[in-house]
Structure formats: C-alpha cells, structure tokens
ModelCIF file with pLDDT and N, C-alpha, C, O atoms, coordinates in Angstrom:
data_MODEL
#
_entry.id   MODEL 
#
_entity.id                         1 
_entity.type                       polymer 
_entity.pdbx_number_of_molecules   1 
#
_entity_poly.entity_id                      1 
_entity_poly.type                           'polypeptide(L)' 
_entity_poly.nstd_linkage                   no 
_entity_poly.nstd_monomer                   no 
_entity_poly.pdbx_seq_one_letter_code       SDLLGGTPAAVIGLLSREARMVVLGSRHLSRTAEFFSAGS 
_entity_poly.pdbx_seq_one_letter_code_can   SDLLGGTPAAVIGLLSREARMVVLGSRHLSRTAEFFSAGS 
_entity_poly.pdbx_strand_id                 A 
#
loop_
_entity_poly_seq.entity_id 
_entity_poly_seq.num 
_entity_poly_seq.mon_id 
_entity_poly_seq.hetero 
1 1  SER n 
1 2  ASP n 
1 3  LEU n 
1 4  LEU n 
1 5  GLY n 
1 6  GLY n 
1 7  THR n 
1 8  PRO n 
1 9  ALA n 
1 10 ALA n 
1 11 VAL n 
1 12 ILE n 
1 13 GLY n 
1 14 LEU n 
1 15 LEU n 
1 16 SER n 
1 17 ARG n 
1 18 GLU n 
1 19 ALA n 
1 20 ARG n 
1 21 MET n 
1 22 VAL n 
1 23 VAL n 
1 24 LEU n 
1 25 GLY n 
1 26 SER n 
1 27 ARG n 
1 28 HIS n 
1 29 LEU n 
1 30 SER n 
1 31 ARG n 
1 32 THR n 
1 33 ALA n 
1 34 GLU n 
1 35 PHE n 
1 36 PHE n 
1 37 SER n 
1 38 ALA n 
1 39 GLY n 
1 40 SER n 
#
_struct_asym.id          A 
_struct_asym.entity_id   1 
#
loop_
_ma_qa_metric.id 
_ma_qa_metric.mode 
_ma_qa_metric.name 
_ma_qa_metric.software_group_id 
_ma_qa_metric.type 
1 global pLDDT . pLDDT 
2 local  pLDDT . pLDDT 
#
_ma_qa_metric_global.metric_id      1 
_ma_qa_metric_global.metric_value   82.33 
_ma_qa_metric_global.model_id       1 
_ma_qa_metric_global.ordinal_id     1 
#
loop_
_ma_qa_metric_local.label_asym_id 
_ma_qa_metric_local.label_comp_id 
_ma_qa_metric_local.label_seq_id 
_ma_qa_metric_local.metric_id 
_ma_qa_metric_local.metric_value 
_ma_qa_metric_local.model_id 
_ma_qa_metric_local.ordinal_id 
A SER 1  2 97.00 1 1  
A ASP 2  2 97.00 1 2  
A LEU 3  2 97.00 1 3  
A LEU 4  2 97.00 1 4  
A GLY 5  2 94.00 1 5  
A GLY 6  2 93.00 1 6  
A THR 7  2 91.00 1 7  
A PRO 8  2 91.00 1 8  
A ALA 9  2 91.00 1 9  
A ALA 10 2 93.00 1 10 
A VAL 11 2 95.00 1 11 
A ILE 12 2 95.00 1 12 
A GLY 13 2 94.00 1 13 
A LEU 14 2 95.00 1 14 
A LEU 15 2 96.00 1 15 
A SER 16 2 95.00 1 16 
A ARG 17 2 95.00 1 17 
A GLU 18 2 94.00 1 18 
A ALA 19 2 96.00 1 19 
A ARG 20 2 96.00 1 20 
A MET 21 2 97.00 1 21 
A VAL 22 2 97.00 1 22 
A VAL 23 2 96.00 1 23 
A LEU 24 2 93.00 1 24 
A GLY 25 2 88.00 1 25 
A SER 26 2 75.00 1 26 
A ARG 27 2 66.00 1 27 
A HIS 28 2 64.00 1 28 
A LEU 29 2 63.00 1 29 
A SER 30 2 60.00 1 30 
A ARG 31 2 61.00 1 31 
A THR 32 2 63.00 1 32 
A ALA 33 2 58.00 1 33 
A GLU 34 2 59.00 1 34 
A PHE 35 2 58.00 1 35 
A PHE 36 2 57.00 1 36 
A SER 37 2 57.00 1 37 
A ALA 38 2 57.00 1 38 
A GLY 39 2 61.00 1 39 
A SER 40 2 71.00 1 40 
#
loop_
_atom_site.group_PDB 
_atom_site.id 
_atom_site.type_symbol 
_atom_site.label_atom_id 
_atom_site.label_alt_id 
_atom_site.label_comp_id 
_atom_site.label_asym_id 
_atom_site.label_entity_id 
_atom_site.label_seq_id 
_atom_site.pdbx_PDB_ins_code 
_atom_site.Cartn_x 
_atom_site.Cartn_y 
_atom_site.Cartn_z 
_atom_site.occupancy 
_atom_site.B_iso_or_equiv 
_atom_site.pdbx_formal_charge 
_atom_site.auth_seq_id 
_atom_site.auth_comp_id 
_atom_site.auth_asym_id 
_atom_site.auth_atom_id 
_atom_site.pdbx_PDB_model_num 
ATOM 1   N N  . SER A 1 1  ? 0.861   -1.329 0.020   1.00 97.00 ? 1  SER A N  1 
ATOM 2   C CA . SER A 1 1  ? 0.071   0.085  -0.155  1.00 97.00 ? 1  SER A CA 1 
ATOM 3   C C  . SER A 1 1  ? 0.829   1.201  -0.098  1.00 97.00 ? 1  SER A C  1 
ATOM 4   O O  . SER A 1 1  ? 1.988   1.108  0.306   1.00 97.00 ? 1  SER A O  1 
ATOM 5   N N  . ASP A 1 2  ? 0.314   2.392  -0.478  1.00 97.00 ? 2  ASP A N  1 
ATOM 6   C CA . ASP A 1 2  ? 0.832   3.684  -0.496  1.00 97.00 ? 2  ASP A CA 1 
ATOM 7   C C  . ASP A 1 2  ? -0.046  4.684  -0.218  1.00 97.00 ? 2  ASP A C  1 
ATOM 8   O O  . ASP A 1 2  ? -1.172  4.622  -0.712  1.00 97.00 ? 2  ASP A O  1 
ATOM 9   N N  . LEU A 1 3  ? 0.257   5.580  0.471   1.00 97.00 ? 3  LEU A N  1 
ATOM 10  C CA . LEU A 1 3  ? -0.558  6.899  0.796   1.00 97.00 ? 3  LEU A CA 1 
ATOM 11  C C  . LEU A 1 3  ? 0.521   8.109  -0.043  1.00 97.00 ? 3  LEU A C  1 
ATOM 12  O O  . LEU A 1 3  ? 1.634   8.493  0.317   1.00 97.00 ? 3  LEU A O  1 
ATOM 13  N N  . LEU A 1 4  ? -0.196  8.468  -1.135  1.00 97.00 ? 4  LEU A N  1 
ATOM 14  C CA . LEU A 1 4  ? 0.549   9.350  -2.104  1.00 97.00 ? 4  LEU A CA 1 
ATOM 15  C C  . LEU A 1 4  ? -0.175  10.654 -1.969  1.00 97.00 ? 4  LEU A C  1 
ATOM 16  O O  . LEU A 1 4  ? -1.375  10.716 -1.701  1.00 97.00 ? 4  LEU A O  1 
ATOM 17  N N  . GLY A 1 5  ? 0.653   11.772 -2.177  1.00 94.00 ? 5  GLY A N  1 
ATOM 18  C CA . GLY A 1 5  ? 0.114   13.156 -2.601  1.00 94.00 ? 5  GLY A CA 1 
ATOM 19  C C  . GLY A 1 5  ? -0.221  13.403 -4.000  1.00 94.00 ? 5  GLY A C  1 
ATOM 20  O O  . GLY A 1 5  ? 0.575   13.103 -4.890  1.00 94.00 ? 5  GLY A O  1 
ATOM 21  N N  . GLY A 1 6  ? -1.390  13.950 -4.250  1.00 93.00 ? 6  GLY A N  1 
ATOM 22  C CA . GLY A 1 6  ? -1.690  14.572 -5.468  1.00 93.00 ? 6  GLY A CA 1 
ATOM 23  C C  . GLY A 1 6  ? -3.090  14.148 -5.718  1.00 93.00 ? 6  GLY A C  1 
ATOM 24  O O  . GLY A 1 6  ? -3.681  13.436 -4.906  1.00 93.00 ? 6  GLY A O  1 
ATOM 25  N N  . THR A 1 7  ? -3.652  14.576 -6.846  1.00 91.00 ? 7  THR A N  1 
ATOM 26  C CA . THR A 1 7  ? -4.980  14.384 -7.176  1.00 91.00 ? 7  THR A CA 1 
ATOM 27  C C  . THR A 1 7  ? -5.311  12.982 -7.380  1.00 91.00 ? 7  THR A C  1 
ATOM 28  O O  . THR A 1 7  ? -4.476  12.364 -8.040  1.00 91.00 ? 7  THR A O  1 
ATOM 29  N N  . PRO A 1 8  ? -6.441  12.252 -6.928  1.00 91.00 ? 8  PRO A N  1 
ATOM 30  C CA . PRO A 1 8  ? -6.439  10.913 -7.177  1.00 91.00 ? 8  PRO A CA 1 
ATOM 31  C C  . PRO A 1 8  ? -6.461  10.456 -8.572  1.00 91.00 ? 8  PRO A C  1 
ATOM 32  O O  . PRO A 1 8  ? -5.959  9.376  -8.883  1.00 91.00 ? 8  PRO A O  1 
ATOM 33  N N  . ALA A 1 9  ? -7.048  11.272 -9.466  1.00 91.00 ? 9  ALA A N  1 
ATOM 34  C CA . ALA A 1 9  ? -7.099  10.572 -10.976 1.00 91.00 ? 9  ALA A CA 1 
ATOM 35  C C  . ALA A 1 9  ? -5.590  10.707 -11.480 1.00 91.00 ? 9  ALA A C  1 
ATOM 36  O O  . ALA A 1 9  ? -5.115  9.772  -12.125 1.00 91.00 ? 9  ALA A O  1 
ATOM 37  N N  . ALA A 1 10 ? -4.849  11.799 -11.217 1.00 93.00 ? 10 ALA A N  1 
ATOM 38  C CA . ALA A 1 10 ? -3.299  12.041 -11.531 1.00 93.00 ? 10 ALA A CA 1 
ATOM 39  C C  . ALA A 1 10 ? -2.633  10.894 -10.994 1.00 93.00 ? 10 ALA A C  1 
ATOM 40  O O  . ALA A 1 10 ? -1.994  10.188 -11.774 1.00 93.00 ? 10 ALA A O  1 
ATOM 41  N N  . VAL A 1 11 ? -2.692  10.570 -9.641  1.00 95.00 ? 11 VAL A N  1 
ATOM 42  C CA . VAL A 1 11 ? -1.836  9.557  -9.110  1.00 95.00 ? 11 VAL A CA 1 
ATOM 43  C C  . VAL A 1 11 ? -2.212  8.196  -9.726  1.00 95.00 ? 11 VAL A C  1 
ATOM 44  O O  . VAL A 1 11 ? -1.350  7.490  -10.250 1.00 95.00 ? 11 VAL A O  1 
ATOM 45  N N  . ILE A 1 12 ? -3.567  7.818  -9.654  1.00 95.00 ? 12 ILE A N  1 
ATOM 46  C CA . ILE A 1 12 ? -3.913  6.461  -10.037 1.00 95.00 ? 12 ILE A CA 1 
ATOM 47  C C  . ILE A 1 12 ? -3.318  6.265  -11.762 1.00 95.00 ? 12 ILE A C  1 
ATOM 48  O O  . ILE A 1 12 ? -2.708  5.307  -12.236 1.00 95.00 ? 12 ILE A O  1 
ATOM 49  N N  . GLY A 1 13 ? -3.736  7.490  -12.405 1.00 94.00 ? 13 GLY A N  1 
ATOM 50  C CA . GLY A 1 13 ? -3.349  7.399  -13.845 1.00 94.00 ? 13 GLY A CA 1 
ATOM 51  C C  . GLY A 1 13 ? -1.653  7.178  -14.138 1.00 94.00 ? 13 GLY A C  1 
ATOM 52  O O  . GLY A 1 13 ? -1.266  6.489  -15.082 1.00 94.00 ? 13 GLY A O  1 
ATOM 53  N N  . LEU A 1 14 ? -0.859  7.758  -13.338 1.00 95.00 ? 14 LEU A N  1 
ATOM 54  C CA . LEU A 1 14 ? 0.495   7.521  -13.419 1.00 95.00 ? 14 LEU A CA 1 
ATOM 55  C C  . LEU A 1 14 ? 0.838   6.087  -12.733 1.00 95.00 ? 14 LEU A C  1 
ATOM 56  O O  . LEU A 1 14 ? 1.854   5.541  -13.166 1.00 95.00 ? 14 LEU A O  1 
ATOM 57  N N  . LEU A 1 15 ? 0.281   5.569  -11.950 1.00 96.00 ? 15 LEU A N  1 
ATOM 58  C CA . LEU A 1 15 ? 0.419   4.279  -11.504 1.00 96.00 ? 15 LEU A CA 1 
ATOM 59  C C  . LEU A 1 15 ? 0.004   3.122  -12.464 1.00 96.00 ? 15 LEU A C  1 
ATOM 60  O O  . LEU A 1 15 ? 0.477   1.989  -12.374 1.00 96.00 ? 15 LEU A O  1 
ATOM 61  N N  . SER A 1 16 ? -0.877  3.487  -13.348 1.00 95.00 ? 16 SER A N  1 
ATOM 62  C CA . SER A 1 16 ? -1.389  2.543  -14.424 1.00 95.00 ? 16 SER A CA 1 
ATOM 63  C C  . SER A 1 16 ? -0.260  2.267  -15.337 1.00 95.00 ? 16 SER A C  1 
ATOM 64  O O  . SER A 1 16 ? -0.261  1.226  -15.993 1.00 95.00 ? 16 SER A O  1 
ATOM 65  N N  . ARG A 1 17 ? 0.684   3.104  -15.425 1.00 95.00 ? 17 ARG A N  1 
ATOM 66  C CA . ARG A 1 17 ? 1.931   2.836  -16.334 1.00 95.00 ? 17 ARG A CA 1 
ATOM 67  C C  . ARG A 1 17 ? 2.495   1.425  -15.862 1.00 95.00 ? 17 ARG A C  1 
ATOM 68  O O  . ARG A 1 17 ? 2.904   0.614  -16.693 1.00 95.00 ? 17 ARG A O  1 
ATOM 69  N N  . GLU A 1 18 ? 2.501   1.219  -14.783 1.00 94.00 ? 18 GLU A N  1 
ATOM 70  C CA . GLU A 1 18 ? 3.267   -0.207 -14.233 1.00 94.00 ? 18 GLU A CA 1 
ATOM 71  C C  . GLU A 1 18 ? 2.242   -1.196 -13.639 1.00 94.00 ? 18 GLU A C  1 
ATOM 72  O O  . GLU A 1 18 ? 2.572   -2.092 -12.862 1.00 94.00 ? 18 GLU A O  1 
ATOM 73  N N  . ALA A 1 19 ? 0.904   -0.967 -14.077 1.00 96.00 ? 19 ALA A N  1 
ATOM 74  C CA . ALA A 1 19 ? 0.034   -1.940 -13.711 1.00 96.00 ? 19 ALA A CA 1 
ATOM 75  C C  . ALA A 1 19 ? -0.665  -2.707 -14.780 1.00 96.00 ? 19 ALA A C  1 
ATOM 76  O O  . ALA A 1 19 ? -0.939  -2.185 -15.861 1.00 96.00 ? 19 ALA A O  1 
ATOM 77  N N  . ARG A 1 20 ? -0.933  -3.850 -14.510 1.00 96.00 ? 20 ARG A N  1 
ATOM 78  C CA . ARG A 1 20 ? -1.777  -4.672 -15.377 1.00 96.00 ? 20 ARG A CA 1 
ATOM 79  C C  . ARG A 1 20 ? -3.180  -4.368 -15.365 1.00 96.00 ? 20 ARG A C  1 
ATOM 80  O O  . ARG A 1 20 ? -3.770  -4.672 -16.401 1.00 96.00 ? 20 ARG A O  1 
ATOM 81  N N  . MET A 1 21 ? -3.894  -3.818 -14.404 1.00 97.00 ? 21 MET A N  1 
ATOM 82  C CA . MET A 1 21 ? -5.257  -3.560 -14.112 1.00 97.00 ? 21 MET A CA 1 
ATOM 83  C C  . MET A 1 21 ? -5.276  -2.395 -13.027 1.00 97.00 ? 21 MET A C  1 
ATOM 84  O O  . MET A 1 21 ? -4.502  -2.350 -12.071 1.00 97.00 ? 21 MET A O  1 
ATOM 85  N N  . VAL A 1 22 ? -6.278  -1.450 -13.311 1.00 97.00 ? 22 VAL A N  1 
ATOM 86  C CA . VAL A 1 22 ? -6.592  -0.445 -12.324 1.00 97.00 ? 22 VAL A CA 1 
ATOM 87  C C  . VAL A 1 22 ? -8.157  -1.024 -11.732 1.00 97.00 ? 22 VAL A C  1 
ATOM 88  O O  . VAL A 1 22 ? -9.056  -1.372 -12.497 1.00 97.00 ? 22 VAL A O  1 
ATOM 89  N N  . VAL A 1 23 ? -8.251  -1.041 -10.438 1.00 96.00 ? 23 VAL A N  1 
ATOM 90  C CA . VAL A 1 23 ? -9.551  -1.156 -9.958  1.00 96.00 ? 23 VAL A CA 1 
ATOM 91  C C  . VAL A 1 23 ? -10.131 -0.108 -9.141  1.00 96.00 ? 23 VAL A C  1 
ATOM 92  O O  . VAL A 1 23 ? -9.500  0.316  -8.172  1.00 96.00 ? 23 VAL A O  1 
ATOM 93  N N  . LEU A 1 24 ? -11.441 0.417  -9.484  1.00 93.00 ? 24 LEU A N  1 
ATOM 94  C CA . LEU A 1 24 ? -11.871 1.518  -8.950  1.00 93.00 ? 24 LEU A CA 1 
ATOM 95  C C  . LEU A 1 24 ? -13.388 1.122  -8.253  1.00 93.00 ? 24 LEU A C  1 
ATOM 96  O O  . LEU A 1 24 ? -14.107 0.275  -8.783  1.00 93.00 ? 24 LEU A O  1 
ATOM 97  N N  . GLY A 1 25 ? -13.696 1.678  -7.280  1.00 88.00 ? 25 GLY A N  1 
ATOM 98  C CA . GLY A 1 25 ? -14.913 1.498  -6.580  1.00 88.00 ? 25 GLY A CA 1 
ATOM 99  C C  . GLY A 1 25 ? -15.969 2.413  -7.417  1.00 88.00 ? 25 GLY A C  1 
ATOM 100 O O  . GLY A 1 25 ? -15.539 3.198  -8.263  1.00 88.00 ? 25 GLY A O  1 
ATOM 101 N N  . SER A 1 26 ? -17.295 2.297  -7.171  1.00 75.00 ? 26 SER A N  1 
ATOM 102 C CA . SER A 1 26 ? -18.123 3.103  -7.738  1.00 75.00 ? 26 SER A CA 1 
ATOM 103 C C  . SER A 1 26 ? -18.626 4.300  -6.765  1.00 75.00 ? 26 SER A C  1 
ATOM 104 O O  . SER A 1 26 ? -18.856 3.954  -5.606  1.00 75.00 ? 26 SER A O  1 
ATOM 105 N N  . ARG A 1 27 ? -18.782 5.370  -7.024  1.00 66.00 ? 27 ARG A N  1 
ATOM 106 C CA . ARG A 1 27 ? -19.458 6.273  -6.218  1.00 66.00 ? 27 ARG A CA 1 
ATOM 107 C C  . ARG A 1 27 ? -20.691 6.559  -6.469  1.00 66.00 ? 27 ARG A C  1 
ATOM 108 O O  . ARG A 1 27 ? -21.146 7.624  -6.053  1.00 66.00 ? 27 ARG A O  1 
ATOM 109 N N  . HIS A 1 28 ? -21.421 5.742  -7.139  1.00 64.00 ? 28 HIS A N  1 
ATOM 110 C CA . HIS A 1 28 ? -22.908 5.816  -7.526  1.00 64.00 ? 28 HIS A CA 1 
ATOM 111 C C  . HIS A 1 28 ? -23.403 7.066  -8.038  1.00 64.00 ? 28 HIS A C  1 
ATOM 112 O O  . HIS A 1 28 ? -24.466 7.530  -7.626  1.00 64.00 ? 28 HIS A O  1 
ATOM 113 N N  . LEU A 1 29 ? -22.665 7.671  -8.955  1.00 63.00 ? 29 LEU A N  1 
ATOM 114 C CA . LEU A 1 29 ? -22.861 8.622  -9.712  1.00 63.00 ? 29 LEU A CA 1 
ATOM 115 C C  . LEU A 1 29 ? -23.911 8.325  -11.030 1.00 63.00 ? 29 LEU A C  1 
ATOM 116 O O  . LEU A 1 29 ? -24.032 7.263  -11.641 1.00 63.00 ? 29 LEU A O  1 
ATOM 117 N N  . SER A 1 30 ? -24.537 9.447  -11.236 1.00 60.00 ? 30 SER A N  1 
ATOM 118 C CA . SER A 1 30 ? -25.349 9.151  -12.553 1.00 60.00 ? 30 SER A CA 1 
ATOM 119 C C  . SER A 1 30 ? -24.460 9.366  -13.621 1.00 60.00 ? 30 SER A C  1 
ATOM 120 O O  . SER A 1 30 ? -23.387 9.942  -13.440 1.00 60.00 ? 30 SER A O  1 
ATOM 121 N N  . ARG A 1 31 ? -24.904 8.852  -14.973 1.00 61.00 ? 31 ARG A N  1 
ATOM 122 C CA . ARG A 1 31 ? -23.988 8.648  -16.128 1.00 61.00 ? 31 ARG A CA 1 
ATOM 123 C C  . ARG A 1 31 ? -23.349 10.225 -16.456 1.00 61.00 ? 31 ARG A C  1 
ATOM 124 O O  . ARG A 1 31 ? -22.201 10.423 -16.853 1.00 61.00 ? 31 ARG A O  1 
ATOM 125 N N  . THR A 1 32 ? -24.269 11.177 -16.218 1.00 63.00 ? 32 THR A N  1 
ATOM 126 C CA . THR A 1 32 ? -23.854 12.593 -16.461 1.00 63.00 ? 32 THR A CA 1 
ATOM 127 C C  . THR A 1 32 ? -22.838 12.958 -15.441 1.00 63.00 ? 32 THR A C  1 
ATOM 128 O O  . THR A 1 32 ? -21.912 13.668 -15.834 1.00 63.00 ? 32 THR A O  1 
ATOM 129 N N  . ALA A 1 33 ? -22.858 12.560 -14.089 1.00 58.00 ? 33 ALA A N  1 
ATOM 130 C CA . ALA A 1 33 ? -22.014 13.009 -13.223 1.00 58.00 ? 33 ALA A CA 1 
ATOM 131 C C  . ALA A 1 33 ? -20.718 12.295 -13.345 1.00 58.00 ? 33 ALA A C  1 
ATOM 132 O O  . ALA A 1 33 ? -19.635 12.815 -13.076 1.00 58.00 ? 33 ALA A O  1 
ATOM 133 N N  . GLU A 1 34 ? -20.886 11.029 -13.780 1.00 59.00 ? 34 GLU A N  1 
ATOM 134 C CA . GLU A 1 34 ? -19.829 10.180 -14.050 1.00 59.00 ? 34 GLU A CA 1 
ATOM 135 C C  . GLU A 1 34 ? -18.701 10.807 -15.007 1.00 59.00 ? 34 GLU A C  1 
ATOM 136 O O  . GLU A 1 34 ? -17.497 10.610 -14.846 1.00 59.00 ? 34 GLU A O  1 
ATOM 137 N N  . PHE A 1 35 ? -19.306 11.646 -16.096 1.00 58.00 ? 35 PHE A N  1 
ATOM 138 C CA . PHE A 1 35 ? -18.362 12.461 -16.885 1.00 58.00 ? 35 PHE A CA 1 
ATOM 139 C C  . PHE A 1 35 ? -18.126 13.755 -16.563 1.00 58.00 ? 35 PHE A C  1 
ATOM 140 O O  . PHE A 1 35 ? -17.128 14.337 -16.989 1.00 58.00 ? 35 PHE A O  1 
ATOM 141 N N  . PHE A 1 36 ? -19.031 14.342 -15.767 1.00 57.00 ? 36 PHE A N  1 
ATOM 142 C CA . PHE A 1 36 ? -18.708 15.829 -15.613 1.00 57.00 ? 36 PHE A CA 1 
ATOM 143 C C  . PHE A 1 36 ? -18.319 16.255 -14.186 1.00 57.00 ? 36 PHE A C  1 
ATOM 144 O O  . PHE A 1 36 ? -17.760 17.330 -13.966 1.00 57.00 ? 36 PHE A O  1 
ATOM 145 N N  . SER A 1 37 ? -18.666 15.286 -13.137 1.00 57.00 ? 37 SER A N  1 
ATOM 146 C CA . SER A 1 37 ? -18.317 15.703 -11.804 1.00 57.00 ? 37 SER A CA 1 
ATOM 147 C C  . SER A 1 37 ? -16.938 15.637 -11.282 1.00 57.00 ? 37 SER A C  1 
ATOM 148 O O  . SER A 1 37 ? -16.238 14.695 -11.653 1.00 57.00 ? 37 SER A O  1 
ATOM 149 N N  . ALA A 1 38 ? -16.388 16.644 -10.349 1.00 57.00 ? 38 ALA A N  1 
ATOM 150 C CA . ALA A 1 38 ? -15.229 16.632 -10.086 1.00 57.00 ? 38 ALA A CA 1 
ATOM 151 C C  . ALA A 1 38 ? -14.871 15.343 -9.144  1.00 57.00 ? 38 ALA A C  1 
ATOM 152 O O  . ALA A 1 38 ? -13.730 14.901 -9.002  1.00 57.00 ? 38 ALA A O  1 
ATOM 153 N N  . GLY A 1 39 ? -16.022 14.830 -8.541  1.00 61.00 ? 39 GLY A N  1 
ATOM 154 C CA . GLY A 1 39 ? -15.760 13.555 -7.790  1.00 61.00 ? 39 GLY A CA 1 
ATOM 155 C C  . GLY A 1 39 ? -15.782 12.239 -8.516  1.00 61.00 ? 39 GLY A C  1 
ATOM 156 O O  . GLY A 1 39 ? -15.826 11.157 -7.931  1.00 61.00 ? 39 GLY A O  1 
ATOM 157 N N  . SER A 1 40 ? -15.748 12.399 -9.948  1.00 71.00 ? 40 SER A N  1 
ATOM 158 C CA . SER A 1 40 ? -15.493 11.196 -10.737 1.00 71.00 ? 40 SER A CA 1 
ATOM 159 C C  . SER A 1 40 ? -14.070 10.803 -10.602 1.00 71.00 ? 40 SER A C  1 
ATOM 160 O O  . SER A 1 40 ? -13.645 9.808  -11.191 1.00 71.00 ? 40 SER A O  1 
#
C-alpha cells in the first residue's frame, strides 16, 4: 500500500503505467455526473 500526495485521478493514472489493471469502486454517480463531476 501507498499513501501518495496528488489528485487521485493523476496519481492513479501515473500508477497505471506499471499496472496490469486498475480497480476503482463506484461512487454511485449518474451517467452525467460520471463524466462531468469533479468527484468522478
């Protein structure tokens, strides 16, 4: 495990370069919010 500084999307995006897969939980956003929400 790692506690890293940075915005979650940027941090996980960078880690994807060395990963075989990225797994994220759902925040139960609507389809519109999934695309446009800062929480997505």
